[in-house]
Amino acid sequence: MGQLEGVDRRCTLIPNTLDLSMRRALCVGIDNYAFGELHGCVSDAVKLATVLRSHEDGSPNFDVRELTAPIGGDPSLVTRPKLREEINELFRHPADVALLSFSGHGAENNLGGYLVTQDARGYDPGVWMMEVIDMANQSRAREVVILLDCCHAGHLGNISAIDNTKALLREGVSILTASRGSQVSVEVGGGGLFTSLVADALEGGAADILGDVSAPAVYAFVEAALGAWSQRPLFKSHVAQLIPLRKCHPSVPAPILRQLPTLFPLPAEDLPLTPEFESSSPTADPAKVEIFQKLQVLNRVYLLVPVGADHMYDAAMTSQSCRLTASGRYYWRLAKAGRI
């Protein structure tokens, strides 16, 4: 085969060398607006950036970039071109997860919603939300998560030309917004109510038994905390798998969960107990006491319950039994399939 003219072989790309384990986050907070200052958006961005940088055990999580405009600072730190550039930079490179959070003013007109920037004016308030979702849909990141704490945030993902209640997301994109497209977002205690709840969720409030915090779990945590008369958060997602946004300390150590099929050969079959399982019993058997300690850990998170007694101690001392709950049987199946 002849050599192609004009091709610089030094620029040859090798896709297999791309690091898809990277997790990037851009946290934006704008307080300094000429037409109306806010007082909690910069702290929102800093709070989320702090939580996202590491897992609960201190190991690194997201590589976070903060873009903030505090009161009294430069009035042109977060302009339309700057925000657009930063969002594009976040989404255009390959990554495992790319996360965008925005806290600031939001606006709407007949074209849809906008992330309001410091150079907002007239009919050009900032970055069009449809433009943001276009960048997310075209992103080379495997998973994209967008968190918006601004008024009218629910417009993100809507297709105004078709119907403002329809959303178009490519697979792998999830959106959590503080309010519906027609609602405002609330500040409490020097920060956004939505962001405060999201941070609590990421810090463990929405963690599952294994300690994983996913985007749907964050939404469930936030939605349950807001009443019917409050701002209503929205969750829009098109995903085939749940990627943990953060890992917290598990309620049950994974090695114990992996032993469920050993402790219960059949998930619907009760496990008989005897006084030998209880350490304070005169007939205590060290091997059975060790098993009982694991059973008590599972009982504390309601993966199993005593049968014929109110407490595990009583079930053992009166030779009753224990059985897996529906959640316990779920984790039994995961362990049996080698998925824990």
Protein backbone atom coordinates (compact mmCIF):
# COMPACT_ATOMS: atom_id res chain seq x y z
CA MET A 1 0.00 0.00 0.00
CA GLY A 2 1.41 3.39 -0.94
CA GLN A 3 2.08 6.06 1.65
CA LEU A 4 -0.60 8.77 1.85
CA GLU A 5 0.69 12.24 1.16
CA GLY A 6 0.11 14.99 3.72
CA VAL A 7 -0.39 12.67 6.71
CA ASP A 8 1.70 13.46 9.80
CA ARG A 9 2.18 10.04 11.43
CA ARG A 10 3.29 11.68 14.66
CA CYS A 11 -0.35 12.65 15.28
CA THR A 12 -1.72 9.11 15.05
CA LEU A 13 -4.30 8.49 17.79
CA ILE A 14 -4.34 5.30 19.78
CA PRO A 15 -7.83 5.06 21.35
CA ASN A 16 -6.86 2.18 23.62
CA THR A 17 -4.58 4.48 25.60
CA LEU A 18 -7.42 6.81 26.66
CA ASP A 19 -8.00 6.78 30.41
CA LEU A 20 -11.71 6.16 30.83
CA SER A 21 -11.39 5.86 34.61
CA MET A 22 -11.14 9.65 34.92
CA ARG A 23 -13.89 11.45 36.80
CA ARG A 24 -14.14 15.19 36.18
CA ALA A 25 -16.43 17.76 37.81
CA LEU A 26 -17.03 21.45 37.15
CA CYS A 27 -18.69 23.29 40.06
CA VAL A 28 -20.00 26.75 39.14
CA GLY A 29 -21.30 29.32 41.64
CA ILE A 30 -22.22 32.93 40.87
CA ASP A 31 -23.17 35.45 43.59
CA ASN A 32 -21.92 38.62 41.91
CA TYR A 33 -24.62 39.83 39.51
CA ALA A 34 -24.99 43.50 38.61
CA PHE A 35 -28.79 43.26 38.56
CA GLY A 36 -29.30 41.27 41.78
CA GLU A 37 -26.75 39.66 44.05
CA LEU A 38 -27.13 36.17 45.48
CA HIS A 39 -25.54 35.03 48.73
CA GLY A 40 -25.16 31.27 48.70
CA CYS A 41 -24.14 30.15 45.23
CA VAL A 42 -20.37 30.35 45.69
CA SER A 43 -20.66 28.43 48.96
CA ASP A 44 -22.81 25.85 47.10
CA ALA A 45 -20.06 25.32 44.51
CA VAL A 46 -17.35 25.06 47.17
CA LYS A 47 -19.44 22.65 49.24
CA LEU A 48 -20.10 20.28 46.36
CA ALA A 49 -16.50 20.49 45.18
CA THR A 50 -15.28 19.52 48.65
CA VAL A 51 -17.62 16.53 48.87
CA LEU A 52 -16.91 15.30 45.34
CA ARG A 53 -13.10 15.44 45.55
CA SER A 54 -12.86 12.34 47.73
CA HIS A 55 -14.79 9.31 48.86
CA GLU A 56 -15.65 9.00 52.53
CA ASP A 57 -12.51 6.96 53.19
CA GLY A 58 -10.39 9.80 51.82
CA SER A 59 -9.47 8.14 48.52
CA PRO A 60 -9.64 10.42 45.44
CA ASN A 61 -12.91 10.70 43.56
CA PHE A 62 -13.56 13.56 41.10
CA ASP A 63 -10.90 15.89 39.75
CA VAL A 64 -12.82 19.10 40.45
CA ARG A 65 -12.52 22.53 38.89
CA GLU A 66 -14.29 25.42 40.65
CA LEU A 67 -15.59 28.42 38.71
CA THR A 68 -16.95 31.03 41.13
CA ALA A 69 -17.86 34.71 41.17
CA PRO A 70 -18.04 36.02 44.77
CA ILE A 71 -19.62 39.33 45.73
CA GLY A 72 -17.10 42.15 45.46
CA GLY A 73 -14.97 40.25 42.98
CA ASP A 74 -14.38 40.63 39.27
CA PRO A 75 -17.75 41.28 37.52
CA SER A 76 -16.60 39.37 34.45
CA LEU A 77 -15.31 36.08 35.89
CA VAL A 78 -18.20 33.95 34.61
CA THR A 79 -19.36 35.36 31.29
CA ARG A 80 -21.29 33.53 28.60
CA PRO A 81 -18.13 32.72 26.60
CA LYS A 82 -16.27 31.60 29.74
CA LEU A 83 -19.05 29.34 31.03
CA ARG A 84 -19.60 27.91 27.56
CA GLU A 85 -15.87 27.24 27.21
CA GLU A 86 -15.63 25.52 30.60
CA ILE A 87 -18.68 23.32 30.00
CA ASN A 88 -17.36 22.34 26.58
CA GLU A 89 -13.98 21.49 28.10
CA LEU A 90 -15.67 19.35 30.75
CA PHE A 91 -17.67 17.31 28.27
CA ARG A 92 -15.49 17.01 25.16
CA HIS A 93 -12.77 14.69 26.52
CA PRO A 94 -13.18 10.95 27.23
CA ALA A 95 -13.92 10.12 30.87
CA ASP A 96 -15.76 7.67 33.04
CA VAL A 97 -17.98 10.39 34.53
CA ALA A 98 -18.28 14.11 33.78
CA LEU A 99 -20.33 16.11 36.30
CA LEU A 100 -21.53 19.70 36.02
CA SER A 101 -23.08 21.62 38.90
CA PHE A 102 -24.41 25.17 38.54
CA SER A 103 -25.67 27.45 41.29
CA GLY A 104 -26.80 30.94 40.35
CA HIS A 105 -29.60 32.81 38.65
CA GLY A 106 -31.78 31.02 36.12
CA ALA A 107 -34.03 32.65 33.54
CA GLU A 108 -36.64 31.66 30.98
CA ASN A 109 -38.23 33.07 27.87
CA ASN A 110 -40.14 31.59 24.93
CA LEU A 111 -36.93 29.84 23.79
CA GLY A 112 -36.53 27.96 27.06
CA GLY A 113 -34.29 28.23 30.11
CA TYR A 114 -30.87 29.82 30.62
CA LEU A 115 -27.97 29.58 33.05
CA VAL A 116 -27.56 33.29 33.78
CA THR A 117 -24.03 34.65 33.56
CA GLN A 118 -22.52 37.87 34.88
CA ASP A 119 -22.73 39.59 31.49
CA ALA A 120 -26.46 38.93 31.14
CA ARG A 121 -28.48 41.49 29.27
CA GLY A 122 -31.89 41.85 27.72
CA TYR A 123 -32.80 38.86 25.60
CA ASP A 124 -29.36 37.29 26.03
CA PRO A 125 -29.31 36.22 29.70
CA GLY A 126 -26.61 33.57 29.51
CA VAL A 127 -25.95 30.05 28.29
CA TRP A 128 -29.02 28.42 26.76
CA MET A 129 -29.93 25.19 28.54
CA MET A 130 -30.56 23.50 25.20
CA GLU A 131 -26.95 24.27 24.30
CA VAL A 132 -25.80 22.64 27.55
CA ILE A 133 -27.76 19.49 26.83
CA ASP A 134 -26.41 19.40 23.27
CA MET A 135 -22.87 19.41 24.67
CA ALA A 136 -23.82 16.70 27.18
CA ASN A 137 -25.41 14.53 24.50
CA GLN A 138 -22.31 14.84 22.32
CA SER A 139 -19.91 14.32 25.21
CA ARG A 140 -17.21 11.66 24.96
CA ALA A 141 -17.67 10.95 28.66
CA ARG A 142 -19.30 7.60 29.32
CA GLU A 143 -21.65 9.04 31.96
CA VAL A 144 -22.77 12.66 32.34
CA VAL A 145 -24.46 14.08 35.44
CA ILE A 146 -25.82 17.64 35.63
CA LEU A 147 -26.94 19.29 38.88
CA LEU A 148 -28.72 22.64 38.58
CA ASP A 149 -29.63 24.82 41.58
CA CYS A 150 -31.22 27.81 39.88
CA CYS A 151 -34.67 29.12 39.08
CA HIS A 152 -36.40 27.44 36.11
CA ALA A 153 -33.79 24.65 36.16
CA GLY A 154 -36.37 22.11 35.04
CA HIS A 155 -36.11 23.45 31.47
CA LEU A 156 -32.83 21.57 31.02
CA GLY A 157 -33.33 18.76 28.54
CA ASN A 158 -36.68 20.06 27.31
CA ILE A 159 -37.25 20.45 23.59
CA SER A 160 -39.07 23.77 23.31
CA ALA A 161 -39.74 23.35 19.60
CA ILE A 162 -41.68 20.14 20.29
CA ASP A 163 -43.16 20.21 23.78
CA ASN A 164 -41.79 21.67 26.98
CA THR A 165 -42.65 18.47 28.88
CA LYS A 166 -40.53 16.22 26.65
CA ALA A 167 -36.82 15.58 27.22
CA LEU A 168 -34.20 14.24 24.82
CA LEU A 169 -31.15 12.62 26.43
CA ARG A 170 -28.63 10.21 24.99
CA GLU A 171 -27.85 7.09 26.97
CA GLY A 172 -25.63 7.86 29.95
CA VAL A 173 -26.99 11.34 30.77
CA SER A 174 -28.73 12.19 34.05
CA ILE A 175 -30.09 15.57 35.14
CA LEU A 176 -31.11 16.62 38.65
CA THR A 177 -32.68 20.06 38.96
CA ALA A 178 -33.73 22.08 41.99
CA SER A 179 -37.12 22.98 40.56
CA ARG A 180 -39.50 22.63 37.66
CA GLY A 181 -39.18 24.88 34.66
CA SER A 182 -41.81 27.28 36.05
CA GLN A 183 -40.48 27.41 39.62
CA VAL A 184 -37.88 29.36 41.56
CA SER A 185 -35.21 27.81 43.79
CA VAL A 186 -34.93 28.58 47.48
CA GLU A 187 -31.92 29.71 49.52
CA VAL A 188 -31.76 28.75 53.20
CA GLY A 189 -29.00 29.20 55.73
CA GLY A 190 -26.58 30.87 53.33
CA GLY A 191 -26.91 28.30 50.54
CA GLY A 192 -29.30 26.65 48.14
CA LEU A 193 -31.77 24.23 49.73
CA PHE A 194 -31.32 21.81 46.83
CA THR A 195 -27.51 21.85 46.98
CA SER A 196 -27.57 21.38 50.74
CA LEU A 197 -29.69 18.26 50.33
CA VAL A 198 -27.53 16.95 47.47
CA ALA A 199 -24.41 17.36 49.63
CA ASP A 200 -26.08 15.50 52.50
CA ALA A 201 -27.06 12.71 50.10
CA LEU A 202 -23.50 12.43 48.77
CA GLU A 203 -22.08 12.39 52.29
CA GLY A 204 -23.97 9.20 53.01
CA GLY A 205 -27.63 10.08 53.32
CA ALA A 206 -28.40 8.33 50.02
CA ALA A 207 -25.84 5.52 50.29
CA ASP A 208 -26.98 1.94 49.80
CA ILE A 209 -25.85 -0.92 52.03
CA LEU A 210 -22.61 -1.20 50.06
CA GLY A 211 -21.97 2.53 50.54
CA ASP A 212 -22.58 3.52 46.91
CA VAL A 213 -24.38 6.81 46.17
CA SER A 214 -25.97 6.97 42.71
CA ALA A 215 -27.78 9.82 40.95
CA PRO A 216 -31.27 8.23 41.34
CA ALA A 217 -30.58 7.72 45.06
CA VAL A 218 -29.59 11.38 45.41
CA TYR A 219 -32.85 12.42 43.75
CA ALA A 220 -34.92 10.11 45.98
CA PHE A 221 -33.23 11.62 49.05
CA VAL A 222 -33.85 15.21 47.88
CA GLU A 223 -37.41 14.60 46.67
CA ALA A 224 -38.47 13.00 49.95
CA ALA A 225 -37.15 15.99 51.93
CA LEU A 226 -39.23 18.56 50.01
CA GLY A 227 -42.93 18.80 50.72
CA ALA A 228 -45.82 19.16 48.31
CA TRP A 229 -45.88 22.94 48.81
CA SER A 230 -42.13 23.41 48.29
CA GLN A 231 -40.10 23.64 45.10
CA ARG A 232 -40.25 20.29 43.34
CA PRO A 233 -36.99 18.81 42.08
CA LEU A 234 -36.87 16.98 38.77
CA PHE A 235 -34.87 13.95 37.67
CA LYS A 236 -34.37 13.16 33.99
CA SER A 237 -32.22 10.21 33.05
CA HIS A 238 -31.40 7.77 30.28
CA VAL A 239 -29.03 5.20 31.70
CA ALA A 240 -28.40 1.48 31.35
CA GLN A 241 -26.29 1.21 34.51
CA LEU A 242 -25.92 3.09 37.78
CA ILE A 243 -22.49 4.63 38.30
CA PRO A 244 -21.69 5.56 41.93
CA LEU A 245 -21.04 9.28 42.27
CA ARG A 246 -19.38 8.71 45.64
CA LYS A 247 -18.53 5.81 47.92
CA CYS A 248 -19.30 5.98 51.63
CA HIS A 249 -18.64 3.55 54.45
CA PRO A 250 -20.84 0.48 53.84
CA SER A 251 -23.52 -0.47 56.37
CA VAL A 252 -22.36 -4.06 56.06
CA PRO A 253 -18.81 -5.06 55.10
CA ALA A 254 -18.79 -6.67 51.66
CA PRO A 255 -17.11 -9.87 52.96
CA ILE A 256 -20.12 -10.51 55.20
CA LEU A 257 -22.57 -9.94 52.34
CA ARG A 258 -20.59 -12.38 50.20
CA GLN A 259 -21.16 -15.07 52.85
CA LEU A 260 -24.96 -14.87 52.61
CA PRO A 261 -25.24 -17.98 50.36
CA THR A 262 -23.06 -19.87 52.86
CA LEU A 263 -25.10 -18.75 55.88
CA PHE A 264 -28.38 -19.41 54.07
CA PRO A 265 -28.00 -22.21 51.47
CA LEU A 266 -31.54 -21.39 50.30
CA PRO A 267 -32.72 -17.76 50.50
CA ALA A 268 -36.25 -18.62 51.67
CA GLU A 269 -35.16 -21.15 54.29
CA ASP A 270 -34.87 -20.21 57.97
CA LEU A 271 -31.59 -20.62 59.82
CA PRO A 272 -32.09 -22.49 63.15
CA LEU A 273 -30.47 -20.90 66.20
CA THR A 274 -29.45 -22.39 69.56
CA PRO A 275 -27.92 -21.03 72.79
CA GLU A 276 -24.55 -22.09 71.40
CA PHE A 277 -24.68 -19.00 69.10
CA GLU A 278 -24.83 -16.54 72.03
CA SER A 279 -21.49 -15.62 73.62
CA SER A 280 -23.00 -15.23 77.12
CA SER A 281 -24.47 -18.74 77.08
CA PRO A 282 -22.75 -21.47 79.17
CA THR A 283 -22.85 -23.67 76.07
CA ALA A 284 -21.41 -21.04 73.68
CA ASP A 285 -19.56 -22.47 70.68
CA PRO A 286 -16.82 -20.08 69.42
CA ALA A 287 -17.45 -20.98 65.77
CA LYS A 288 -21.19 -20.38 66.11
CA VAL A 289 -20.64 -17.20 68.12
CA GLU A 290 -18.60 -15.83 65.22
CA ILE A 291 -21.45 -16.66 62.82
CA PHE A 292 -23.98 -15.06 65.17
CA GLN A 293 -22.01 -11.81 65.25
CA LYS A 294 -22.32 -11.63 61.46
CA LEU A 295 -26.04 -12.40 61.68
CA GLN A 296 -26.48 -9.54 64.14
CA VAL A 297 -24.75 -7.14 61.72
CA LEU A 298 -27.21 -8.20 59.01
CA ASN A 299 -30.11 -7.83 61.44
CA ARG A 300 -29.16 -4.24 62.28
CA VAL A 301 -29.72 -3.19 58.66
CA TYR A 302 -32.87 -5.32 58.31
CA LEU A 303 -31.45 -7.90 55.94
CA LEU A 304 -32.63 -10.60 58.30
CA VAL A 305 -35.05 -10.81 61.25
CA PRO A 306 -35.51 -13.21 64.18
CA VAL A 307 -38.42 -15.65 63.97
CA GLY A 308 -40.46 -16.39 67.09
CA ALA A 309 -38.76 -13.66 69.15
CA ASP A 310 -38.38 -9.91 69.17
CA HIS A 311 -34.58 -9.89 69.35
CA MET A 312 -31.77 -12.02 67.98
CA TYR A 313 -30.51 -12.74 71.51
CA ASP A 314 -33.90 -14.14 72.53
CA ALA A 315 -34.16 -16.16 69.32
CA ALA A 316 -30.84 -17.82 70.06
CA MET A 317 -31.45 -18.43 73.77
CA THR A 318 -34.88 -19.99 73.08
CA SER A 319 -33.71 -22.03 70.08
CA GLN A 320 -35.80 -20.17 67.53
CA SER A 321 -34.52 -19.14 64.08
CA CYS A 322 -33.89 -16.19 61.77
CA ARG A 323 -34.76 -15.53 58.13
CA LEU A 324 -33.81 -13.21 55.33
CA THR A 325 -36.03 -10.25 54.52
CA ALA A 326 -36.87 -9.31 50.92
CA SER A 327 -33.80 -7.03 50.93
CA GLY A 328 -31.72 -9.83 52.38
CA ARG A 329 -32.82 -12.19 49.62
CA TYR A 330 -31.89 -9.50 47.05
CA TYR A 331 -28.34 -9.28 48.37
CA TRP A 332 -28.23 -13.10 48.66
CA ARG A 333 -28.85 -13.27 44.91
CA LEU A 334 -26.16 -10.69 44.21
CA ALA A 335 -23.69 -12.62 46.34
CA LYS A 336 -24.66 -15.93 44.74
CA ALA A 337 -24.05 -14.41 41.30
CA GLY A 338 -20.67 -13.04 42.37
CA ARG A 339 -21.79 -9.43 41.95
CA ILE A 340 -20.64 -8.15 45.35
